[in-house]
């Protein structure tokens, strides 16, 4: 009986440990929230990491950066 209780307790401990460690990583396919910015030319919103910053203005593509305002 004691061996059975030890096996159950050990199994519960392993399951809890795996649950705790899996929370540290975001699920696959999900990214952290990111700031959105607006293109100066077409006014479309896009993530800051995809935007082009030139002379203090934000653009969605190189064509709009060259056109400028």
PDB file of N, CA and C in Angstrom:
ATOM      1  N   UNK A   1       0.830  -1.204   0.000  1.00  0.00           N
ATOM      2  CA  UNK A   1       0.000   0.000   0.000  1.00  0.00           C
ATOM      3  C   UNK A   1       0.872   1.265   0.000  1.00  0.00           C
ATOM      4  N   UNK A   2       1.963   1.224   0.763  1.00  0.00           N
ATOM      5  CA  UNK A   2       2.857   2.377   0.834  1.00  0.00           C
ATOM      6  C   UNK A   2       3.493   2.660  -0.528  1.00  0.00           C
ATOM      7  N   UNK A   3       3.871   1.592  -1.238  1.00  0.00           N
ATOM      8  CA  UNK A   3       4.471   1.773  -2.564  1.00  0.00           C
ATOM      9  C   UNK A   3       3.480   2.431  -3.523  1.00  0.00           C
ATOM     10  N   UNK A   4       2.223   2.030  -3.448  1.00  0.00           N
ATOM     11  CA  UNK A   4       1.195   2.606  -4.307  1.00  0.00           C
ATOM     12  C   UNK A   4       1.020   4.097  -4.030  1.00  0.00           C
ATOM     13  N   UNK A   5       0.995   4.482  -2.757  1.00  0.00           N
ATOM     14  CA  UNK A   5       0.870   5.901  -2.399  1.00  0.00           C
ATOM     15  C   UNK A   5       2.079   6.697  -2.878  1.00  0.00           C
ATOM     16  N   UNK A   6       3.272   6.120  -2.776  1.00  0.00           N
ATOM     17  CA  UNK A   6       4.479   6.804  -3.256  1.00  0.00           C
ATOM     18  C   UNK A   6       4.433   6.988  -4.774  1.00  0.00           C
ATOM     19  N   UNK A   7       3.978   5.985  -5.490  1.00  0.00           N
ATOM     20  CA  UNK A   7       3.878   6.094  -6.953  1.00  0.00           C
ATOM     21  C   UNK A   7       2.863   7.164  -7.345  1.00  0.00           C
ATOM     22  N   UNK A   8       1.723   7.200  -6.666  1.00  0.00           N
ATOM     23  CA  UNK A   8       0.698   8.215  -6.956  1.00  0.00           C
ATOM     24  C   UNK A   8       1.235   9.609  -6.644  1.00  0.00           C
ATOM     25  N   UNK A   9       1.875   9.782  -5.499  1.00  0.00           N
ATOM     26  CA  UNK A   9       2.423  11.094  -5.119  1.00  0.00           C
ATOM     27  C   UNK A   9       3.504  11.530  -6.102  1.00  0.00           C
ATOM     28  N   UNK A  10       4.354  10.599  -6.509  1.00  0.00           N
ATOM     29  CA  UNK A  10       5.417  10.920  -7.466  1.00  0.00           C
ATOM     30  C   UNK A  10       4.821  11.333  -8.813  1.00  0.00           C
ATOM     31  N   UNK A  11       3.804  10.627  -9.263  1.00  0.00           N
ATOM     32  CA  UNK A  11       3.152  10.953 -10.535  1.00  0.00           C
ATOM     33  C   UNK A  11       2.495  12.329 -10.481  1.00  0.00           C
ATOM     34  N   UNK A  12       1.821  12.623  -9.390  1.00  0.00           N
ATOM     35  CA  UNK A  12       1.194  13.948  -9.234  1.00  0.00           C
ATOM     36  C   UNK A  12       2.264  15.035  -9.233  1.00  0.00           C
ATOM     37  N   UNK A  13       3.376  14.788  -8.550  1.00  0.00           N
ATOM     38  CA  UNK A  13       4.475  15.757  -8.531  1.00  0.00           C
ATOM     39  C   UNK A  13       5.033  16.016  -9.919  1.00  0.00           C
ATOM     40  N   UNK A  14       5.219  14.971 -10.704  1.00  0.00           N
ATOM     41  CA  UNK A  14       5.727  15.121 -12.077  1.00  0.00           C
ATOM     42  C   UNK A  14       4.749  15.929 -12.926  1.00  0.00           C
ATOM     43  N   UNK A  15       3.463  15.638 -12.842  1.00  0.00           N
ATOM     44  CA  UNK A  15       2.445  16.353 -13.623  1.00  0.00           C
ATOM     45  C   UNK A  15       2.437  17.832 -13.246  1.00  0.00           C
ATOM     46  N   UNK A  16       2.460  18.135 -11.956  1.00  0.00           N
ATOM     47  CA  UNK A  16       2.471  19.535 -11.521  1.00  0.00           C
ATOM     48  C   UNK A  16       3.733  20.255 -11.983  1.00  0.00           C
ATOM     49  N   UNK A  17       4.857  19.564 -11.945  1.00  0.00           N
ATOM     50  CA  UNK A  17       6.120  20.172 -12.392  1.00  0.00           C
ATOM     51  C   UNK A  17       6.058  20.506 -13.883  1.00  0.00           C
ATOM     52  N   UNK A  18       5.522  19.589 -14.699  1.00  0.00           N
ATOM     53  CA  UNK A  18       5.401  19.846 -16.132  1.00  0.00           C
ATOM     54  C   UNK A  18       4.446  21.001 -16.416  1.00  0.00           C
ATOM     55  N   UNK A  19       3.363  21.090 -15.685  1.00  0.00           N
ATOM     56  CA  UNK A  19       2.429  22.205 -15.879  1.00  0.00           C
ATOM     57  C   UNK A  19       3.084  23.536 -15.549  1.00  0.00           C
ATOM     58  N   UNK A  20       3.852  23.568 -14.482  1.00  0.00           N
ATOM     59  CA  UNK A  20       4.512  24.805 -14.068  1.00  0.00           C
ATOM     60  C   UNK A  20       5.556  25.241 -15.086  1.00  0.00           C
ATOM     61  N   UNK A  21       6.351  24.306 -15.594  1.00  0.00           N
ATOM     62  CA  UNK A  21       7.393  24.672 -16.551  1.00  0.00           C
ATOM     63  C   UNK A  21       6.830  25.035 -17.913  1.00  0.00           C
ATOM     64  N   UNK A  22       5.692  24.483 -18.295  1.00  0.00           N
ATOM     65  CA  UNK A  22       5.132  24.788 -19.611  1.00  0.00           C
ATOM     66  C   UNK A  22       4.506  26.173 -19.656  1.00  0.00           C
ATOM     67  N   UNK A  23       4.185  26.774 -18.549  1.00  0.00           N
ATOM     68  CA  UNK A  23       3.582  28.113 -18.528  1.00  0.00           C
ATOM     69  C   UNK A  23       4.592  29.201 -18.873  1.00  0.00           C
ATOM     70  N   UNK A  24       5.857  28.919 -18.772  1.00  0.00           N
ATOM     71  CA  UNK A  24       6.892  29.933 -19.015  1.00  0.00           C
ATOM     72  C   UNK A  24       7.032  30.302 -20.478  1.00  0.00           C
ATOM     73  N   UNK A  25       6.644  29.400 -21.363  1.00  0.00           N
ATOM     74  CA  UNK A  25       6.768  29.661 -22.790  1.00  0.00           C
ATOM     75  C   UNK A  25       5.389  29.929 -23.387  1.00  0.00           C
ATOM     76  N   UNK A  26       5.292  30.932 -24.283  1.00  0.00           N
ATOM     77  CA  UNK A  26       3.996  31.162 -24.932  1.00  0.00           C
ATOM     78  C   UNK A  26       3.667  29.999 -25.857  1.00  0.00           C
ATOM     79  N   UNK A  27       2.402  29.715 -26.068  1.00  0.00           N
ATOM     80  CA  UNK A  27       2.011  28.636 -26.978  1.00  0.00           C
ATOM     81  C   UNK A  27       2.533  28.886 -28.386  1.00  0.00           C
ATOM     82  N   UNK A  28       2.755  27.817 -29.134  1.00  0.00           N
ATOM     83  CA  UNK A  28       3.251  27.962 -30.502  1.00  0.00           C
ATOM     84  C   UNK A  28       2.285  28.768 -31.354  1.00  0.00           C
ATOM     85  N   UNK A  29       2.826  29.595 -32.220  1.00  0.00           N
ATOM     86  CA  UNK A  29       1.995  30.371 -33.118  1.00  0.00           C
ATOM     87  C   UNK A  29       1.503  31.681 -32.536  1.00  0.00           C
ATOM     88  N   UNK A  30       1.762  31.924 -31.276  1.00  0.00           N
ATOM     89  CA  UNK A  30       1.319  33.181 -30.665  1.00  0.00           C
ATOM     90  C   UNK A  30       2.525  34.064 -30.403  1.00  0.00           C
ATOM     91  N   UNK A  31       2.364  35.320 -30.684  1.00  0.00           N
ATOM     92  CA  UNK A  31       3.426  36.285 -30.418  1.00  0.00           C
ATOM     93  C   UNK A  31       2.947  37.238 -29.343  1.00  0.00           C
ATOM     94  N   UNK A  32       3.894  37.887 -28.729  1.00  0.00           N
ATOM     95  CA  UNK A  32       3.554  38.887 -27.718  1.00  0.00           C
ATOM     96  C   UNK A  32       2.882  40.080 -28.402  1.00  0.00           C
ATOM     97  N   UNK A  33       2.080  40.811 -27.660  1.00  0.00           N
ATOM     98  CA  UNK A  33       1.409  41.992 -28.206  1.00  0.00           C
ATOM     99  C   UNK A  33       2.451  43.018 -28.634  1.00  0.00           C
ATOM    100  N   UNK A  34       2.156  43.735 -29.694  1.00  0.00           N
ATOM    101  CA  UNK A  34       3.111  44.694 -30.243  1.00  0.00           C
ATOM    102  C   UNK A  34       2.399  46.010 -30.543  1.00  0.00           C
ATOM    103  N   UNK A  35       3.118  47.112 -30.409  1.00  0.00           N
ATOM    104  CA  UNK A  35       2.563  48.427 -30.715  1.00  0.00           C
ATOM    105  C   UNK A  35       2.231  48.519 -32.202  1.00  0.00           C
ATOM    106  N   UNK A  36       1.124  49.197 -32.481  1.00  0.00           N
ATOM    107  CA  UNK A  36       0.722  49.434 -33.863  1.00  0.00           C
ATOM    108  C   UNK A  36       1.020  50.892 -34.204  1.00  0.00           C
ATOM    109  N   UNK A  37       1.450  51.129 -35.447  1.00  0.00           N
ATOM    110  CA  UNK A  37       1.741  52.482 -35.929  1.00  0.00           C
ATOM    111  C   UNK A  37       1.012  52.697 -37.254  1.00  0.00           C
ATOM    112  N   UNK A  38       0.938  53.943 -37.688  1.00  0.00           N
ATOM    113  CA  UNK A  38       0.190  54.274 -38.900  1.00  0.00           C
ATOM    114  C   UNK A  38       1.123  54.864 -39.954  1.00  0.00           C
ATOM    115  N   UNK A  39       0.970  54.392 -41.182  1.00  0.00           N
ATOM    116  CA  UNK A  39       1.751  54.902 -42.314  1.00  0.00           C
ATOM    117  C   UNK A  39       1.347  56.349 -42.591  1.00  0.00           C
ATOM    118  N   UNK A  40       2.322  57.201 -42.870  1.00  0.00           N
ATOM    119  CA  UNK A  40       2.074  58.619 -43.144  1.00  0.00           C
ATOM    120  C   UNK A  40       1.345  58.839 -44.470  1.00  0.00           C
ATOM    121  N   UNK A  41       1.498  57.931 -45.426  1.00  0.00           N
ATOM    122  CA  UNK A  41       0.927  58.130 -46.755  1.00  0.00           C
ATOM    123  C   UNK A  41      -0.469  57.524 -46.870  1.00  0.00           C
ATOM    124  N   UNK A  42      -0.590  56.225 -46.608  1.00  0.00           N
ATOM    125  CA  UNK A  42      -1.879  55.549 -46.841  1.00  0.00           C
ATOM    126  C   UNK A  42      -2.701  55.379 -45.574  1.00  0.00           C
ATOM    127  N   UNK A  43      -2.138  55.728 -44.436  1.00  0.00           N
ATOM    128  CA  UNK A  43      -2.825  55.691 -43.139  1.00  0.00           C
ATOM    129  C   UNK A  43      -3.185  54.279 -42.671  1.00  0.00           C
ATOM    130  N   UNK A  44      -2.536  53.244 -43.221  1.00  0.00           N
ATOM    131  CA  UNK A  44      -2.802  51.875 -42.792  1.00  0.00           C
ATOM    132  C   UNK A  44      -2.043  51.612 -41.482  1.00  0.00           C
ATOM    133  N   UNK A  45      -2.651  50.822 -40.594  1.00  0.00           N
ATOM    134  CA  UNK A  45      -1.999  50.453 -39.344  1.00  0.00           C
ATOM    135  C   UNK A  45      -1.191  49.178 -39.545  1.00  0.00           C
ATOM    136  N   UNK A  46       0.003  49.135 -38.957  1.00  0.00           N
ATOM    137  CA  UNK A  46       0.853  47.967 -39.061  1.00  0.00           C
ATOM    138  C   UNK A  46       1.705  47.835 -37.800  1.00  0.00           C
ATOM    139  N   UNK A  47       2.220  46.638 -37.513  1.00  0.00           N
ATOM    140  CA  UNK A  47       3.072  46.460 -36.333  1.00  0.00           C
ATOM    141  C   UNK A  47       4.350  47.285 -36.459  1.00  0.00           C
ATOM    142  N   UNK A  48       4.818  47.803 -35.352  1.00  0.00           N
ATOM    143  CA  UNK A  48       6.016  48.646 -35.352  1.00  0.00           C
ATOM    144  C   UNK A  48       7.225  47.919 -35.946  1.00  0.00           C
ATOM    145  N   UNK A  49       7.317  46.612 -35.734  1.00  0.00           N
ATOM    146  CA  UNK A  49       8.472  45.861 -36.234  1.00  0.00           C
ATOM    147  C   UNK A  49       8.495  45.770 -37.759  1.00  0.00           C
ATOM    148  N   UNK A  50       7.361  45.953 -38.416  1.00  0.00           N
ATOM    149  CA  UNK A  50       7.287  45.888 -39.878  1.00  0.00           C
ATOM    150  C   UNK A  50       7.342  47.267 -40.518  1.00  0.00           C
ATOM    151  N   UNK A  51       7.299  48.316 -39.729  1.00  0.00           N
ATOM    152  CA  UNK A  51       7.262  49.684 -40.262  1.00  0.00           C
ATOM    153  C   UNK A  51       8.662  50.155 -40.636  1.00  0.00           C
ATOM    154  N   UNK A  52       8.690  51.144 -41.532  1.00  0.00           N
ATOM    155  CA  UNK A  52       9.942  51.788 -41.940  1.00  0.00           C
ATOM    156  C   UNK A  52       9.940  53.197 -41.360  1.00  0.00           C
ATOM    157  N   UNK A  53      10.966  53.516 -40.592  1.00  0.00           N
ATOM    158  CA  UNK A  53      11.083  54.834 -39.970  1.00  0.00           C
ATOM    159  C   UNK A  53      12.110  55.641 -40.747  1.00  0.00           C
ATOM    160  N   UNK A  54      11.697  56.813 -41.231  1.00  0.00           N
ATOM    161  CA  UNK A  54      12.594  57.664 -42.000  1.00  0.00           C
ATOM    162  C   UNK A  54      12.330  59.120 -41.655  1.00  0.00           C
ATOM    163  N   UNK A  55      13.361  59.794 -41.174  1.00  0.00           N
ATOM    164  CA  UNK A  55      13.284  61.213 -40.823  1.00  0.00           C
ATOM    165  C   UNK A  55      12.109  61.523 -39.901  1.00  0.00           C
ATOM    166  N   UNK A  56      11.861  60.639 -38.942  1.00  0.00           N
ATOM    167  CA  UNK A  56      10.820  60.863 -37.952  1.00  0.00           C
ATOM    168  C   UNK A  56       9.416  60.510 -38.405  1.00  0.00           C
ATOM    169  N   UNK A  57       9.285  59.982 -39.617  1.00  0.00           N
ATOM    170  CA  UNK A  57       7.982  59.563 -40.140  1.00  0.00           C
ATOM    171  C   UNK A  57       7.959  58.056 -40.307  1.00  0.00           C
ATOM    172  N   UNK A  58       6.760  57.488 -40.228  1.00  0.00           N
ATOM    173  CA  UNK A  58       6.595  56.039 -40.311  1.00  0.00           C
ATOM    174  C   UNK A  58       5.883  55.700 -41.612  1.00  0.00           C
ATOM    175  N   UNK A  59       6.407  54.673 -42.305  1.00  0.00           N
ATOM    176  CA  UNK A  59       5.841  54.240 -43.586  1.00  0.00           C
ATOM    177  C   UNK A  59       5.652  52.725 -43.580  1.00  0.00           C
ATOM    178  N   UNK A  60       4.720  52.242 -44.414  1.00  0.00           N
ATOM    179  CA  UNK A  60       4.453  50.804 -44.484  1.00  0.00           C
ATOM    180  C   UNK A  60       5.335  50.104 -45.511  1.00  0.00           C
ATOM    181  N   UNK A  61       5.856  50.840 -46.485  1.00  0.00           N
ATOM    182  CA  UNK A  61       6.702  50.224 -47.506  1.00  0.00           C
ATOM    183  C   UNK A  61       7.698  51.262 -48.035  1.00  0.00           C
ATOM    184  N   UNK A  62       8.667  50.791 -48.786  1.00  0.00           N
ATOM    185  CA  UNK A  62       9.698  51.681 -49.310  1.00  0.00           C
ATOM    186  C   UNK A  62       9.128  52.654 -50.346  1.00  0.00           C
ATOM    187  N   UNK A  63       8.132  52.227 -51.103  1.00  0.00           N
ATOM    188  CA  UNK A  63       7.498  53.102 -52.091  1.00  0.00           C
ATOM    189  C   UNK A  63       6.884  54.333 -51.409  1.00  0.00           C
ATOM    190  N   UNK A  64       6.206  54.113 -50.299  1.00  0.00           N
ATOM    191  CA  UNK A  64       5.600  55.241 -49.576  1.00  0.00           C
ATOM    192  C   UNK A  64       6.672  56.095 -48.907  1.00  0.00           C
ATOM    193  N   UNK A  65       7.766  55.485 -48.483  1.00  0.00           N
ATOM    194  CA  UNK A  65       8.863  56.256 -47.907  1.00  0.00           C
ATOM    195  C   UNK A  65       9.453  57.203 -48.946  1.00  0.00           C
ATOM    196  N   UNK A  66       9.594  56.718 -50.203  1.00  0.00           N
ATOM    197  CA  UNK A  66      10.146  57.559 -51.259  1.00  0.00           C
ATOM    198  C   UNK A  66       9.179  58.663 -51.658  1.00  0.00           C
ATOM    199  N   UNK A  67       7.882  58.366 -51.633  1.00  0.00           N
ATOM    200  CA  UNK A  67       6.882  59.371 -51.963  1.00  0.00           C
ATOM    201  C   UNK A  67       6.837  60.444 -50.889  1.00  0.00           C
ATOM    202  N   UNK A  68       6.879  60.002 -49.626  1.00  0.00           N
ATOM    203  CA  UNK A  68       6.934  60.926 -48.487  1.00  0.00           C
ATOM    204  C   UNK A  68       5.748  61.871 -48.426  1.00  0.00           C
ATOM    205  N   UNK A  69       5.885  62.836 -47.546  1.00  0.00           N
ATOM    206  CA  UNK A  69       4.841  63.853 -47.395  1.00  0.00           C
ATOM    207  C   UNK A  69       5.409  65.216 -47.362  1.00  0.00           C
TER     208      UNK A  69
END
